[in-house]
Structures are given as structure tokens and as C-alpha cells.
Amino acid sequence: MRYDRAAVRHETLFAQCLLDGFDEILALAGEPVPRAVPASFSVESADAPSRSVSGS
């Protein structure tokens, strides 16, 4: 994904929100739930609870 780096103040939060958003969409596929894998950054903890904008 391309974005204007000057428009994003918190790159880590932006990246985590994108990852959470992709995971939320992928969860619609059903069991087993696929997970998005970031290509350009590492995830802090795979065991951390997932957040979503909708609160689910």
C-alpha cells in the first residue's frame, strides 16, 4: 500500500490498524480464520488481543 508519509504521524499505530482491519475482513472467511501477515514490519506480539473499530 502506498500512502503519504507526511499525512501519518504515528506509523506504528497506522500499520497496526491496517493489519487489524485486514484481519477483521479475513475473519469473515470462517474457520480456520486466516491472518494477514505484514511484509514490511514485525508484529509486537502474536498473542495480543485484536482490536477493531467496531469493538468486536
PDB file of N, CA and C in Angstrom:
ATOM      1  N   MET A   1       0.835  -1.161   0.000  1.00  0.00           N
ATOM      2  CA  MET A   1       0.000   0.000   0.000  1.00  0.00           C
ATOM      3  C   MET A   1       0.886   1.232   0.000  1.00  0.00           C
ATOM      4  N   ARG A   2       0.501   2.216  -0.773  1.00  0.00           N
ATOM      5  CA  ARG A   2       1.228   3.482  -0.793  1.00  0.00           C
ATOM      6  C   ARG A   2       0.419   4.529  -0.051  1.00  0.00           C
ATOM      7  N   TYR A   3       1.103   5.373   0.690  1.00  0.00           N
ATOM      8  CA  TYR A   3       0.439   6.446   1.425  1.00  0.00           C
ATOM      9  C   TYR A   3       1.404   7.615   1.571  1.00  0.00           C
ATOM     10  N   ASP A   4       0.868   8.771   1.854  1.00  0.00           N
ATOM     11  CA  ASP A   4       1.665   9.974   2.056  1.00  0.00           C
ATOM     12  C   ASP A   4       2.234   9.927   3.465  1.00  0.00           C
ATOM     13  N   ARG A   5       3.524   9.714   3.594  1.00  0.00           N
ATOM     14  CA  ARG A   5       4.147   9.579   4.912  1.00  0.00           C
ATOM     15  C   ARG A   5       3.984  10.831   5.761  1.00  0.00           C
ATOM     16  N   ALA A   6       3.858  11.985   5.123  1.00  0.00           N
ATOM     17  CA  ALA A   6       3.667  13.232   5.869  1.00  0.00           C
ATOM     18  C   ALA A   6       2.269  13.300   6.486  1.00  0.00           C
ATOM     19  N   ALA A   7       1.335  12.509   5.964  1.00  0.00           N
ATOM     20  CA  ALA A   7      -0.041  12.525   6.463  1.00  0.00           C
ATOM     21  C   ALA A   7      -0.237  11.597   7.662  1.00  0.00           C
ATOM     22  N   VAL A   8       0.751  10.768   7.960  1.00  0.00           N
ATOM     23  CA  VAL A   8       0.637   9.799   9.049  1.00  0.00           C
ATOM     24  C   VAL A   8       1.652  10.156  10.129  1.00  0.00           C
ATOM     25  N   ARG A   9       1.159  10.513  11.293  1.00  0.00           N
ATOM     26  CA  ARG A   9       2.050  10.904  12.393  1.00  0.00           C
ATOM     27  C   ARG A   9       2.548   9.711  13.193  1.00  0.00           C
ATOM     28  N   HIS A  10       1.739   8.693  13.314  1.00  0.00           N
ATOM     29  CA  HIS A  10       2.085   7.523  14.127  1.00  0.00           C
ATOM     30  C   HIS A  10       2.108   6.295  13.223  1.00  0.00           C
ATOM     31  N   GLU A  11       3.257   6.046  12.601  1.00  0.00           N
ATOM     32  CA  GLU A  11       3.364   4.960  11.628  1.00  0.00           C
ATOM     33  C   GLU A  11       3.069   3.590  12.237  1.00  0.00           C
ATOM     34  N   THR A  12       3.504   3.367  13.459  1.00  0.00           N
ATOM     35  CA  THR A  12       3.267   2.072  14.096  1.00  0.00           C
ATOM     36  C   THR A  12       1.781   1.838  14.320  1.00  0.00           C
ATOM     37  N   LEU A  13       1.086   2.848  14.810  1.00  0.00           N
ATOM     38  CA  LEU A  13      -0.358   2.733  15.026  1.00  0.00           C
ATOM     39  C   LEU A  13      -1.089   2.557  13.698  1.00  0.00           C
ATOM     40  N   PHE A  14      -0.690   3.311  12.678  1.00  0.00           N
ATOM     41  CA  PHE A  14      -1.293   3.200  11.351  1.00  0.00           C
ATOM     42  C   PHE A  14      -1.135   1.776  10.815  1.00  0.00           C
ATOM     43  N   ALA A  15       0.071   1.228  10.928  1.00  0.00           N
ATOM     44  CA  ALA A  15       0.332  -0.126  10.437  1.00  0.00           C
ATOM     45  C   ALA A  15      -0.485  -1.154  11.207  1.00  0.00           C
ATOM     46  N   GLN A  16      -0.577  -1.006  12.529  1.00  0.00           N
ATOM     47  CA  GLN A  16      -1.349  -1.953  13.335  1.00  0.00           C
ATOM     48  C   GLN A  16      -2.834  -1.875  12.999  1.00  0.00           C
ATOM     49  N   CYS A  17      -3.342  -0.668  12.764  1.00  0.00           N
ATOM     50  CA  CYS A  17      -4.755  -0.511  12.396  1.00  0.00           C
ATOM     51  C   CYS A  17      -5.043  -1.157  11.043  1.00  0.00           C
ATOM     52  N   LEU A  18      -4.122  -1.009  10.087  1.00  0.00           N
ATOM     53  CA  LEU A  18      -4.294  -1.675   8.789  1.00  0.00           C
ATOM     54  C   LEU A  18      -4.322  -3.191   8.966  1.00  0.00           C
ATOM     55  N   LEU A  19      -3.386  -3.701   9.741  1.00  0.00           N
ATOM     56  CA  LEU A  19      -3.322  -5.141   9.982  1.00  0.00           C
ATOM     57  C   LEU A  19      -4.596  -5.639  10.657  1.00  0.00           C
ATOM     58  N   ASP A  20      -5.061  -4.913  11.669  1.00  0.00           N
ATOM     59  CA  ASP A  20      -6.302  -5.292  12.350  1.00  0.00           C
ATOM     60  C   ASP A  20      -7.490  -5.263  11.391  1.00  0.00           C
ATOM     61  N   GLY A  21      -7.525  -4.269  10.512  1.00  0.00           N
ATOM     62  CA  GLY A  21      -8.611  -4.168   9.538  1.00  0.00           C
ATOM     63  C   GLY A  21      -8.619  -5.334   8.561  1.00  0.00           C
ATOM     64  N   PHE A  22      -7.433  -5.699   8.061  1.00  0.00           N
ATOM     65  CA  PHE A  22      -7.349  -6.847   7.162  1.00  0.00           C
ATOM     66  C   PHE A  22      -7.756  -8.125   7.886  1.00  0.00           C
ATOM     67  N   ASP A  23      -7.310  -8.288   9.134  1.00  0.00           N
ATOM     68  CA  ASP A  23      -7.687  -9.480   9.899  1.00  0.00           C
ATOM     69  C   ASP A  23      -9.195  -9.542  10.132  1.00  0.00           C
ATOM     70  N   GLU A  24      -9.811  -8.394  10.362  1.00  0.00           N
ATOM     71  CA  GLU A  24     -11.264  -8.360  10.569  1.00  0.00           C
ATOM     72  C   GLU A  24     -12.004  -8.811   9.310  1.00  0.00           C
ATOM     73  N   ILE A  25     -11.532  -8.387   8.160  1.00  0.00           N
ATOM     74  CA  ILE A  25     -12.150  -8.795   6.893  1.00  0.00           C
ATOM     75  C   ILE A  25     -11.896 -10.278   6.633  1.00  0.00           C
ATOM     76  N   LEU A  26     -10.667 -10.727   6.870  1.00  0.00           N
ATOM     77  CA  LEU A  26     -10.341 -12.135   6.650  1.00  0.00           C
ATOM     78  C   LEU A  26     -11.127 -13.058   7.576  1.00  0.00           C
ATOM     79  N   ALA A  27     -11.505 -12.577   8.753  1.00  0.00           N
ATOM     80  CA  ALA A  27     -12.280 -13.386   9.700  1.00  0.00           C
ATOM     81  C   ALA A  27     -13.638 -13.773   9.130  1.00  0.00           C
ATOM     82  N   LEU A  28     -14.114 -13.027   8.157  1.00  0.00           N
ATOM     83  CA  LEU A  28     -15.393 -13.348   7.525  1.00  0.00           C
ATOM     84  C   LEU A  28     -15.329 -14.648   6.728  1.00  0.00           C
ATOM     85  N   ALA A  29     -14.114 -15.120   6.436  1.00  0.00           N
ATOM     86  CA  ALA A  29     -13.938 -16.354   5.669  1.00  0.00           C
ATOM     87  C   ALA A  29     -14.342 -17.583   6.470  1.00  0.00           C
ATOM     88  N   GLY A  30     -14.418 -17.455   7.787  1.00  0.00           N
ATOM     89  CA  GLY A  30     -14.792 -18.590   8.626  1.00  0.00           C
ATOM     90  C   GLY A  30     -13.587 -19.339   9.149  1.00  0.00           C
ATOM     91  N   GLU A  31     -13.865 -20.512   9.712  1.00  0.00           N
ATOM     92  CA  GLU A  31     -12.812 -21.320  10.344  1.00  0.00           C
ATOM     93  C   GLU A  31     -12.088 -22.162   9.311  1.00  0.00           C
ATOM     94  N   PRO A  32     -10.808 -22.342   9.428  1.00  0.00           N
ATOM     95  CA  PRO A  32      -9.898 -21.630  10.308  1.00  0.00           C
ATOM     96  C   PRO A  32      -9.708 -20.194   9.812  1.00  0.00           C
ATOM     97  N   VAL A  33      -9.657 -19.268  10.734  1.00  0.00           N
ATOM     98  CA  VAL A  33      -9.567 -17.850  10.387  1.00  0.00           C
ATOM     99  C   VAL A  33      -8.172 -17.536   9.855  1.00  0.00           C
ATOM    100  N   PRO A  34      -8.083 -17.072   8.600  1.00  0.00           N
ATOM    101  CA  PRO A  34      -6.775 -16.676   8.071  1.00  0.00           C
ATOM    102  C   PRO A  34      -6.319 -15.377   8.728  1.00  0.00           C
ATOM    103  N   ARG A  35      -5.028 -15.131   8.740  1.00  0.00           N
ATOM    104  CA  ARG A  35      -4.472 -13.916   9.332  1.00  0.00           C
ATOM    105  C   ARG A  35      -3.615 -13.198   8.300  1.00  0.00           C
ATOM    106  N   ALA A  36      -3.676 -11.873   8.313  1.00  0.00           N
ATOM    107  CA  ALA A  36      -2.806 -11.072   7.460  1.00  0.00           C
ATOM    108  C   ALA A  36      -1.391 -11.133   8.026  1.00  0.00           C
ATOM    109  N   VAL A  37      -0.402 -11.153   7.143  1.00  0.00           N
ATOM    110  CA  VAL A  37       0.995 -11.188   7.563  1.00  0.00           C
ATOM    111  C   VAL A  37       1.686  -9.957   6.997  1.00  0.00           C
ATOM    112  N   PRO A  38       2.178  -9.077   7.867  1.00  0.00           N
ATOM    113  CA  PRO A  38       2.835  -7.864   7.379  1.00  0.00           C
ATOM    114  C   PRO A  38       4.143  -8.204   6.671  1.00  0.00           C
ATOM    115  N   ALA A  39       4.419  -7.494   5.576  1.00  0.00           N
ATOM    116  CA  ALA A  39       5.634  -7.737   4.808  1.00  0.00           C
ATOM    117  C   ALA A  39       6.758  -6.769   5.160  1.00  0.00           C
ATOM    118  N   SER A  40       6.414  -5.610   5.732  1.00  0.00           N
ATOM    119  CA  SER A  40       7.450  -4.601   5.942  1.00  0.00           C
ATOM    120  C   SER A  40       7.634  -4.178   7.395  1.00  0.00           C
ATOM    121  N   PHE A  41       6.983  -4.858   8.334  1.00  0.00           N
ATOM    122  CA  PHE A  41       7.188  -4.581   9.756  1.00  0.00           C
ATOM    123  C   PHE A  41       6.867  -5.839  10.539  1.00  0.00           C
ATOM    124  N   SER A  42       7.316  -5.879  11.779  1.00  0.00           N
ATOM    125  CA  SER A  42       7.029  -7.046  12.606  1.00  0.00           C
ATOM    126  C   SER A  42       5.955  -6.697  13.622  1.00  0.00           C
ATOM    127  N   VAL A  43       5.173  -7.692  13.965  1.00  0.00           N
ATOM    128  CA  VAL A  43       4.098  -7.524  14.930  1.00  0.00           C
ATOM    129  C   VAL A  43       4.704  -7.683  16.320  1.00  0.00           C
ATOM    130  N   GLU A  44       4.301  -6.819  17.269  1.00  0.00           N
ATOM    131  CA  GLU A  44       4.861  -6.861  18.623  1.00  0.00           C
ATOM    132  C   GLU A  44       4.635  -8.203  19.295  1.00  0.00           C
ATOM    133  N   SER A  45       3.390  -8.678  19.292  1.00  0.00           N
ATOM    134  CA  SER A  45       3.076  -9.944  19.948  1.00  0.00           C
ATOM    135  C   SER A  45       1.930 -10.614  19.222  1.00  0.00           C
ATOM    136  N   ALA A  46       2.116 -11.860  18.860  1.00  0.00           N
ATOM    137  CA  ALA A  46       1.055 -12.596  18.175  1.00  0.00           C
ATOM    138  C   ALA A  46      -0.073 -12.944  19.135  1.00  0.00           C
ATOM    139  N   ASP A  47       0.207 -12.911  20.450  1.00  0.00           N
ATOM    140  CA  ASP A  47      -0.802 -13.260  21.444  1.00  0.00           C
ATOM    141  C   ASP A  47      -1.627 -12.071  21.908  1.00  0.00           C
ATOM    142  N   ALA A  48      -1.307 -10.878  21.426  1.00  0.00           N
ATOM    143  CA  ALA A  48      -2.036  -9.680  21.848  1.00  0.00           C
ATOM    144  C   ALA A  48      -3.452  -9.736  21.302  1.00  0.00           C
ATOM    145  N   PRO A  49      -4.429  -9.325  22.094  1.00  0.00           N
ATOM    146  CA  PRO A  49      -5.813  -9.330  21.612  1.00  0.00           C
ATOM    147  C   PRO A  49      -5.985  -8.359  20.458  1.00  0.00           C
ATOM    148  N   SER A  50      -6.790  -8.758  19.507  1.00  0.00           N
ATOM    149  CA  SER A  50      -7.038  -7.928  18.334  1.00  0.00           C
ATOM    150  C   SER A  50      -8.085  -6.869  18.642  1.00  0.00           C
ATOM    151  N   ARG A  51      -7.836  -5.657  18.162  1.00  0.00           N
ATOM    152  CA  ARG A  51      -8.803  -4.577  18.310  1.00  0.00           C
ATOM    153  C   ARG A  51      -9.463  -4.353  16.971  1.00  0.00           C
ATOM    154  N   SER A  52     -10.649  -3.803  16.992  1.00  0.00           N
ATOM    155  CA  SER A  52     -11.302  -3.400  15.761  1.00  0.00           C
ATOM    156  C   SER A  52     -12.058  -2.116  16.009  1.00  0.00           C
ATOM    157  N   VAL A  53     -12.314  -1.407  14.935  1.00  0.00           N
ATOM    158  CA  VAL A  53     -13.039  -0.154  15.035  1.00  0.00           C
ATOM    159  C   VAL A  53     -14.436  -0.394  15.573  1.00  0.00           C
ATOM    160  N   SER A  54     -15.030  -1.520  15.192  1.00  0.00           N
ATOM    161  CA  SER A  54     -16.394  -1.817  15.619  1.00  0.00           C
ATOM    162  C   SER A  54     -16.469  -2.338  17.050  1.00  0.00           C
ATOM    163  N   GLY A  55     -15.313  -2.593  17.648  1.00  0.00           N
ATOM    164  CA  GLY A  55     -15.291  -3.077  19.020  1.00  0.00           C
ATOM    165  C   GLY A  55     -15.463  -4.571  19.148  1.00  0.00           C
ATOM    166  N   SER A  56     -15.437  -5.291  18.021  1.00  0.00           N
ATOM    167  CA  SER A  56     -15.603  -6.745  18.066  1.00  0.00           C
ATOM    168  C   SER A  56     -14.272  -7.448  18.048  1.00  0.00           C
TER     169      SER A  56
END
